[in-house]
N, C-alpha and C. Protein backbone atom coordinates (compact mmCIF):
# COMPACT_ATOMS: atom_id res chain seq x y z
N MET A 1 4.71 -21.16 -5.87
CA MET A 1 3.89 -20.55 -6.90
C MET A 1 4.77 -19.66 -7.77
N LEU A 2 4.58 -19.76 -9.04
CA LEU A 2 5.38 -18.99 -9.99
C LEU A 2 4.60 -17.76 -10.45
N PHE A 3 5.23 -16.63 -10.38
CA PHE A 3 4.60 -15.39 -10.83
C PHE A 3 5.16 -15.04 -12.20
N HIS A 4 4.30 -14.64 -13.11
CA HIS A 4 4.73 -14.35 -14.47
C HIS A 4 5.35 -12.97 -14.62
N THR A 5 4.96 -12.05 -13.78
CA THR A 5 5.53 -10.71 -13.86
C THR A 5 5.71 -10.16 -12.45
N ILE A 6 6.54 -9.17 -12.33
CA ILE A 6 6.73 -8.50 -11.05
C ILE A 6 5.42 -7.83 -10.62
N GLU A 7 4.62 -7.38 -11.59
CA GLU A 7 3.34 -6.76 -11.26
C GLU A 7 2.40 -7.77 -10.61
N ASN A 8 2.34 -8.98 -11.13
CA ASN A 8 1.51 -10.02 -10.53
C ASN A 8 1.98 -10.34 -9.11
N TRP A 9 3.29 -10.41 -8.93
CA TRP A 9 3.84 -10.67 -7.61
C TRP A 9 3.47 -9.55 -6.64
N ALA A 10 3.62 -8.31 -7.08
CA ALA A 10 3.31 -7.16 -6.22
C ALA A 10 1.83 -7.15 -5.85
N LYS A 11 0.96 -7.45 -6.81
CA LYS A 11 -0.48 -7.49 -6.52
C LYS A 11 -0.80 -8.59 -5.51
N LYS A 12 -0.17 -9.74 -5.67
CA LYS A 12 -0.39 -10.86 -4.74
C LYS A 12 0.05 -10.46 -3.33
N MET A 13 1.20 -9.84 -3.21
CA MET A 13 1.71 -9.43 -1.90
C MET A 13 0.82 -8.35 -1.28
N TYR A 14 0.42 -7.38 -2.06
CA TYR A 14 -0.42 -6.29 -1.58
C TYR A 14 -1.77 -6.82 -1.09
N ASN A 15 -2.40 -7.66 -1.89
CA ASN A 15 -3.71 -8.19 -1.53
C ASN A 15 -3.66 -9.19 -0.39
N GLY A 16 -2.46 -9.67 -0.06
CA GLY A 16 -2.30 -10.60 1.05
C GLY A 16 -1.92 -9.93 2.36
N LEU A 17 -1.84 -8.61 2.38
CA LEU A 17 -1.49 -7.90 3.61
C LEU A 17 -2.51 -8.16 4.71
N GLU A 18 -2.03 -8.30 5.93
CA GLU A 18 -2.93 -8.49 7.07
C GLU A 18 -3.68 -7.20 7.40
N VAL A 19 -3.07 -6.07 7.12
CA VAL A 19 -3.67 -4.77 7.41
C VAL A 19 -4.50 -4.34 6.20
N ASP A 20 -5.70 -3.88 6.45
CA ASP A 20 -6.57 -3.41 5.37
C ASP A 20 -6.34 -1.92 5.18
N VAL A 21 -5.57 -1.57 4.16
CA VAL A 21 -5.22 -0.17 3.95
C VAL A 21 -6.41 0.67 3.52
N THR A 22 -7.50 0.04 3.12
CA THR A 22 -8.69 0.81 2.77
C THR A 22 -9.34 1.42 4.00
N LYS A 23 -8.92 1.00 5.18
CA LYS A 23 -9.46 1.55 6.43
C LYS A 23 -8.79 2.88 6.81
N CYS A 24 -7.79 3.29 6.04
CA CYS A 24 -7.10 4.55 6.31
C CYS A 24 -8.10 5.70 6.19
N THR A 25 -8.14 6.55 7.21
CA THR A 25 -9.06 7.69 7.21
C THR A 25 -8.39 8.97 6.72
N GLU A 26 -7.13 8.87 6.35
CA GLU A 26 -6.35 10.01 5.86
C GLU A 26 -6.27 11.12 6.90
N CYS A 27 -6.18 10.73 8.16
CA CYS A 27 -6.11 11.71 9.25
C CYS A 27 -4.75 12.41 9.29
N GLY A 28 -3.73 11.76 8.76
CA GLY A 28 -2.41 12.37 8.71
C GLY A 28 -1.53 12.14 9.92
N GLU A 29 -2.00 11.39 10.91
CA GLU A 29 -1.20 11.16 12.12
C GLU A 29 0.10 10.41 11.82
N CYS A 30 0.10 9.56 10.83
CA CYS A 30 1.26 8.73 10.54
C CYS A 30 2.41 9.51 9.89
N GLU A 31 2.09 10.50 9.07
CA GLU A 31 3.13 11.16 8.29
C GLU A 31 4.17 11.89 9.13
N PRO A 32 3.81 12.67 10.16
CA PRO A 32 4.86 13.32 10.95
C PRO A 32 5.66 12.32 11.79
N LYS A 33 5.12 11.13 12.00
CA LYS A 33 5.82 10.11 12.79
C LYS A 33 6.78 9.27 11.95
N CYS A 34 6.66 9.36 10.64
CA CYS A 34 7.50 8.55 9.75
C CYS A 34 8.94 9.07 9.78
N PRO A 35 9.89 8.22 10.17
CA PRO A 35 11.28 8.67 10.24
C PRO A 35 11.87 8.98 8.86
N TYR A 36 11.23 8.52 7.81
CA TYR A 36 11.73 8.76 6.46
C TYR A 36 11.00 9.90 5.75
N LYS A 37 10.03 10.52 6.47
CA LYS A 37 9.27 11.66 5.94
C LYS A 37 8.57 11.32 4.62
N LEU A 38 8.02 10.11 4.56
CA LEU A 38 7.32 9.67 3.36
C LEU A 38 5.90 10.24 3.31
N PRO A 39 5.40 10.53 2.12
CA PRO A 39 4.00 10.96 1.98
C PRO A 39 3.09 9.73 2.01
N ILE A 40 2.89 9.19 3.19
CA ILE A 40 2.23 7.90 3.37
C ILE A 40 0.83 7.87 2.76
N ILE A 41 0.05 8.90 2.99
CA ILE A 41 -1.33 8.91 2.50
C ILE A 41 -1.36 8.80 0.97
N SER A 42 -0.59 9.61 0.29
CA SER A 42 -0.60 9.55 -1.17
C SER A 42 0.00 8.24 -1.68
N MET A 43 0.97 7.69 -0.95
CA MET A 43 1.55 6.40 -1.35
C MET A 43 0.52 5.28 -1.21
N LEU A 44 -0.27 5.30 -0.14
CA LEU A 44 -1.32 4.30 0.04
C LEU A 44 -2.38 4.42 -1.05
N GLN A 45 -2.74 5.65 -1.39
CA GLN A 45 -3.75 5.86 -2.43
C GLN A 45 -3.25 5.31 -3.77
N LYS A 46 -2.00 5.59 -4.10
CA LYS A 46 -1.43 5.11 -5.36
C LYS A 46 -1.34 3.59 -5.36
N ALA A 47 -0.89 3.02 -4.26
CA ALA A 47 -0.80 1.56 -4.18
C ALA A 47 -2.17 0.92 -4.34
N GLN A 48 -3.16 1.51 -3.73
CA GLN A 48 -4.51 0.96 -3.83
C GLN A 48 -5.00 1.01 -5.28
N MET A 49 -4.75 2.10 -5.98
CA MET A 49 -5.17 2.21 -7.38
C MET A 49 -4.41 1.22 -8.27
N ASP A 50 -3.12 1.06 -8.01
CA ASP A 50 -2.28 0.24 -8.88
C ASP A 50 -2.35 -1.25 -8.58
N LEU A 51 -2.58 -1.62 -7.31
CA LEU A 51 -2.38 -3.01 -6.91
C LEU A 51 -3.62 -3.75 -6.42
N ARG A 52 -4.72 -3.07 -6.23
CA ARG A 52 -5.89 -3.79 -5.73
C ARG A 52 -6.31 -4.85 -6.75
N ARG A 53 -7.07 -5.80 -6.26
CA ARG A 53 -7.49 -6.94 -7.09
C ARG A 53 -8.03 -6.49 -8.36
């Protein structure tokens, strides 16, 4: 399948994830466990706004 833009490719990959990120309860348990100290909750929120169908 040919993607016309990187944005279309990213949306296709995001929407094809096996994990449903909308199930995140924003409890914060993941952030202190992240070895890269990423702001996971805010990153998931941004990805959902930018990449959802």
